[in-house]
Each structure stands twice: as structure tokens, then as C-alpha cells.
Amino acid sequence: MGNLKGFLEEVWREVHPTSGRVVWPDKEKVIQSTWVVIAASSLCGIYLFLVDSAFGQIIRGILYAD
């Protein structure tokens, strides 16, 4: 519980108007980060599709072997 309290105190210090400021990214950085997330998600999706297809073929081969 002490870790949580320390974390929340640190967050408060960063965002409280008198003791810290939140630095928001500019529009270009947000767009760049968005493309990175889209690319990473797409690659993960393709990878999972290929692994799922391969395991599906393996399971079908085991279950329906003559």
C-alpha cells in the first residue's frame, strides 16, 4: 500500500498546477505514435493469424488422421 501512496503522490506532484506541468505531445508526435501503434498491431495480428492457422492445421491433422 505504501507503493501506491508514493505513486499517487508523485502523479499529483507532476500534474498539480503549482508544482509541476504536464507536457503534452505536439500533433506530429501524436500522429507518428499512432502510426507506430497501427503498424505494431497489424504485425501482431498477422503473426497471430499465421500461428493460429498453423496450429489449426496441426490439430486437424492429428484429429482427422486416417
N, C-alpha and C. Protein backbone atom coordinates (compact mmCIF):
# COMPACT_ATOMS: atom_id res chain seq x y z
N MET A 1 0.82 -1.19 0.00
CA MET A 1 0.00 0.00 0.00
C MET A 1 0.87 1.25 0.00
N GLY A 2 2.06 1.16 0.56
CA GLY A 2 2.97 2.30 0.58
C GLY A 2 3.43 2.67 -0.81
N ASN A 3 3.62 1.65 -1.67
CA ASN A 3 4.00 1.92 -3.05
C ASN A 3 2.92 2.70 -3.77
N LEU A 4 1.67 2.34 -3.57
CA LEU A 4 0.56 3.01 -4.22
C LEU A 4 0.48 4.46 -3.76
N LYS A 5 0.65 4.68 -2.45
CA LYS A 5 0.60 6.04 -1.93
C LYS A 5 1.72 6.88 -2.52
N GLY A 6 2.91 6.33 -2.59
CA GLY A 6 4.04 7.05 -3.17
C GLY A 6 3.82 7.36 -4.64
N PHE A 7 3.25 6.40 -5.36
CA PHE A 7 2.96 6.60 -6.78
C PHE A 7 1.95 7.73 -6.97
N LEU A 8 0.88 7.68 -6.18
CA LEU A 8 -0.16 8.71 -6.32
C LEU A 8 0.37 10.09 -5.93
N GLU A 9 1.24 10.16 -4.93
CA GLU A 9 1.83 11.44 -4.56
C GLU A 9 2.70 11.98 -5.69
N GLU A 10 3.44 11.10 -6.34
CA GLU A 10 4.29 11.52 -7.46
C GLU A 10 3.44 12.02 -8.63
N VAL A 11 2.36 11.30 -8.93
CA VAL A 11 1.46 11.74 -10.00
C VAL A 11 0.89 13.11 -9.67
N TRP A 12 0.46 13.30 -8.43
CA TRP A 12 -0.11 14.58 -8.03
C TRP A 12 0.91 15.71 -8.20
N ARG A 13 2.15 15.47 -7.80
CA ARG A 13 3.19 16.49 -7.95
C ARG A 13 3.40 16.86 -9.41
N GLU A 14 3.29 15.86 -10.31
CA GLU A 14 3.53 16.13 -11.73
C GLU A 14 2.40 16.94 -12.36
N VAL A 15 1.18 16.71 -11.95
CA VAL A 15 0.05 17.35 -12.62
C VAL A 15 -0.53 18.54 -11.86
N HIS A 16 -0.16 18.73 -10.62
CA HIS A 16 -0.69 19.85 -9.84
C HIS A 16 -0.17 21.16 -10.43
N PRO A 17 -1.04 22.13 -10.62
CA PRO A 17 -0.66 23.36 -11.32
C PRO A 17 0.47 24.15 -10.66
N THR A 18 0.62 24.09 -9.35
CA THR A 18 1.63 24.93 -8.71
C THR A 18 2.99 24.25 -8.63
N SER A 19 3.03 22.92 -8.72
CA SER A 19 4.31 22.26 -8.52
C SER A 19 4.82 21.50 -9.73
N GLY A 20 4.07 21.45 -10.80
CA GLY A 20 4.54 20.72 -11.97
C GLY A 20 3.62 20.95 -13.15
N ARG A 21 4.09 20.61 -14.30
CA ARG A 21 3.32 20.78 -15.52
C ARG A 21 3.33 19.48 -16.32
N VAL A 22 2.20 19.19 -16.93
CA VAL A 22 2.12 18.07 -17.85
C VAL A 22 2.54 18.59 -19.22
N VAL A 23 3.46 17.89 -19.87
CA VAL A 23 3.90 18.29 -21.20
C VAL A 23 3.20 17.40 -22.20
N TRP A 24 2.29 18.00 -22.96
CA TRP A 24 1.54 17.26 -23.94
C TRP A 24 2.33 17.20 -25.24
N PRO A 25 2.27 16.04 -25.94
CA PRO A 25 2.99 15.95 -27.21
C PRO A 25 2.33 16.82 -28.27
N ASP A 26 3.13 17.24 -29.25
CA ASP A 26 2.56 18.03 -30.33
C ASP A 26 1.85 17.11 -31.33
N LYS A 27 1.16 17.71 -32.28
CA LYS A 27 0.33 16.96 -33.22
C LYS A 27 1.17 15.96 -34.03
N GLU A 28 2.35 16.37 -34.46
CA GLU A 28 3.21 15.49 -35.26
C GLU A 28 3.63 14.24 -34.47
N LYS A 29 3.94 14.42 -33.21
CA LYS A 29 4.34 13.29 -32.36
C LYS A 29 3.17 12.33 -32.15
N VAL A 30 1.97 12.87 -31.97
CA VAL A 30 0.79 12.02 -31.79
C VAL A 30 0.52 11.21 -33.06
N ILE A 31 0.62 11.85 -34.22
CA ILE A 31 0.40 11.15 -35.49
C ILE A 31 1.45 10.07 -35.68
N GLN A 32 2.70 10.38 -35.40
CA GLN A 32 3.79 9.40 -35.53
C GLN A 32 3.55 8.21 -34.59
N SER A 33 3.19 8.48 -33.36
CA SER A 33 2.94 7.41 -32.41
C SER A 33 1.75 6.56 -32.83
N THR A 34 0.73 7.20 -33.40
CA THR A 34 -0.44 6.47 -33.87
C THR A 34 -0.06 5.49 -34.97
N TRP A 35 0.77 5.92 -35.91
CA TRP A 35 1.21 5.02 -36.98
C TRP A 35 2.04 3.87 -36.44
N VAL A 36 2.85 4.13 -35.43
CA VAL A 36 3.63 3.05 -34.82
C VAL A 36 2.70 2.02 -34.18
N VAL A 37 1.66 2.48 -33.50
CA VAL A 37 0.71 1.57 -32.87
C VAL A 37 -0.05 0.78 -33.93
N ILE A 38 -0.46 1.43 -35.01
CA ILE A 38 -1.17 0.73 -36.09
C ILE A 38 -0.28 -0.33 -36.72
N ALA A 39 0.97 0.01 -36.99
CA ALA A 39 1.90 -0.95 -37.59
C ALA A 39 2.17 -2.13 -36.66
N ALA A 40 2.42 -1.85 -35.39
CA ALA A 40 2.71 -2.92 -34.43
C ALA A 40 1.49 -3.82 -34.26
N SER A 41 0.31 -3.23 -34.20
CA SER A 41 -0.91 -4.03 -34.05
C SER A 41 -1.14 -4.91 -35.27
N SER A 42 -0.89 -4.36 -36.45
CA SER A 42 -1.05 -5.13 -37.68
C SER A 42 -0.08 -6.30 -37.72
N LEU A 43 1.18 -6.04 -37.38
CA LEU A 43 2.17 -7.12 -37.38
C LEU A 43 1.82 -8.20 -36.37
N CYS A 44 1.37 -7.81 -35.20
CA CYS A 44 0.96 -8.80 -34.20
C CYS A 44 -0.24 -9.60 -34.69
N GLY A 45 -1.19 -8.92 -35.32
CA GLY A 45 -2.36 -9.61 -35.85
C GLY A 45 -2.00 -10.62 -36.92
N ILE A 46 -1.11 -10.23 -37.82
CA ILE A 46 -0.67 -11.16 -38.88
C ILE A 46 0.05 -12.35 -38.27
N TYR A 47 0.94 -12.08 -37.31
CA TYR A 47 1.67 -13.15 -36.65
C TYR A 47 0.72 -14.13 -35.97
N LEU A 48 -0.24 -13.60 -35.21
CA LEU A 48 -1.18 -14.47 -34.50
C LEU A 48 -2.05 -15.26 -35.48
N PHE A 49 -2.43 -14.64 -36.59
CA PHE A 49 -3.20 -15.35 -37.61
C PHE A 49 -2.40 -16.53 -38.16
N LEU A 50 -1.13 -16.30 -38.48
CA LEU A 50 -0.29 -17.36 -39.03
C LEU A 50 -0.07 -18.49 -38.02
N VAL A 51 0.19 -18.14 -36.77
CA VAL A 51 0.40 -19.16 -35.73
C VAL A 51 -0.89 -19.94 -35.51
N ASP A 52 -2.03 -19.25 -35.46
CA ASP A 52 -3.31 -19.91 -35.27
C ASP A 52 -3.61 -20.86 -36.43
N SER A 53 -3.33 -20.42 -37.64
CA SER A 53 -3.56 -21.27 -38.81
C SER A 53 -2.68 -22.52 -38.77
N ALA A 54 -1.43 -22.32 -38.40
CA ALA A 54 -0.51 -23.46 -38.33
C ALA A 54 -0.96 -24.46 -37.28
N PHE A 55 -1.30 -23.98 -36.09
CA PHE A 55 -1.76 -24.89 -35.04
C PHE A 55 -3.07 -25.56 -35.42
N GLY A 56 -3.94 -24.83 -36.12
CA GLY A 56 -5.19 -25.42 -36.59
C GLY A 56 -4.94 -26.57 -37.55
N GLN A 57 -3.99 -26.39 -38.44
CA GLN A 57 -3.64 -27.47 -39.37
C GLN A 57 -3.06 -28.68 -38.63
N ILE A 58 -2.23 -28.42 -37.64
CA ILE A 58 -1.63 -29.48 -36.87
C ILE A 58 -2.72 -30.27 -36.13
N ILE A 59 -3.62 -29.55 -35.47
CA ILE A 59 -4.69 -30.21 -34.72
C ILE A 59 -5.61 -30.99 -35.66
N ARG A 60 -5.95 -30.41 -36.81
CA ARG A 60 -6.79 -31.14 -37.79
C ARG A 60 -6.07 -32.40 -38.26
N GLY A 61 -4.77 -32.29 -38.46
CA GLY A 61 -4.01 -33.47 -38.89
C GLY A 61 -4.00 -34.56 -37.85
N ILE A 62 -3.95 -34.19 -36.58
CA ILE A 62 -3.96 -35.18 -35.50
C ILE A 62 -5.36 -35.79 -35.33
N LEU A 63 -6.39 -34.94 -35.34
CA LEU A 63 -7.73 -35.42 -35.08
C LEU A 63 -8.33 -36.23 -36.24
N TYR A 64 -8.02 -35.85 -37.44
CA TYR A 64 -8.64 -36.49 -38.60
C TYR A 64 -7.67 -37.38 -39.38
N ALA A 65 -6.61 -37.81 -38.72
CA ALA A 65 -5.64 -38.70 -39.38
C ALA A 65 -6.32 -40.06 -39.63
N ASP A 66 -6.06 -40.61 -40.78
CA ASP A 66 -6.65 -41.91 -41.12
C ASP A 66 -6.01 -43.04 -40.40
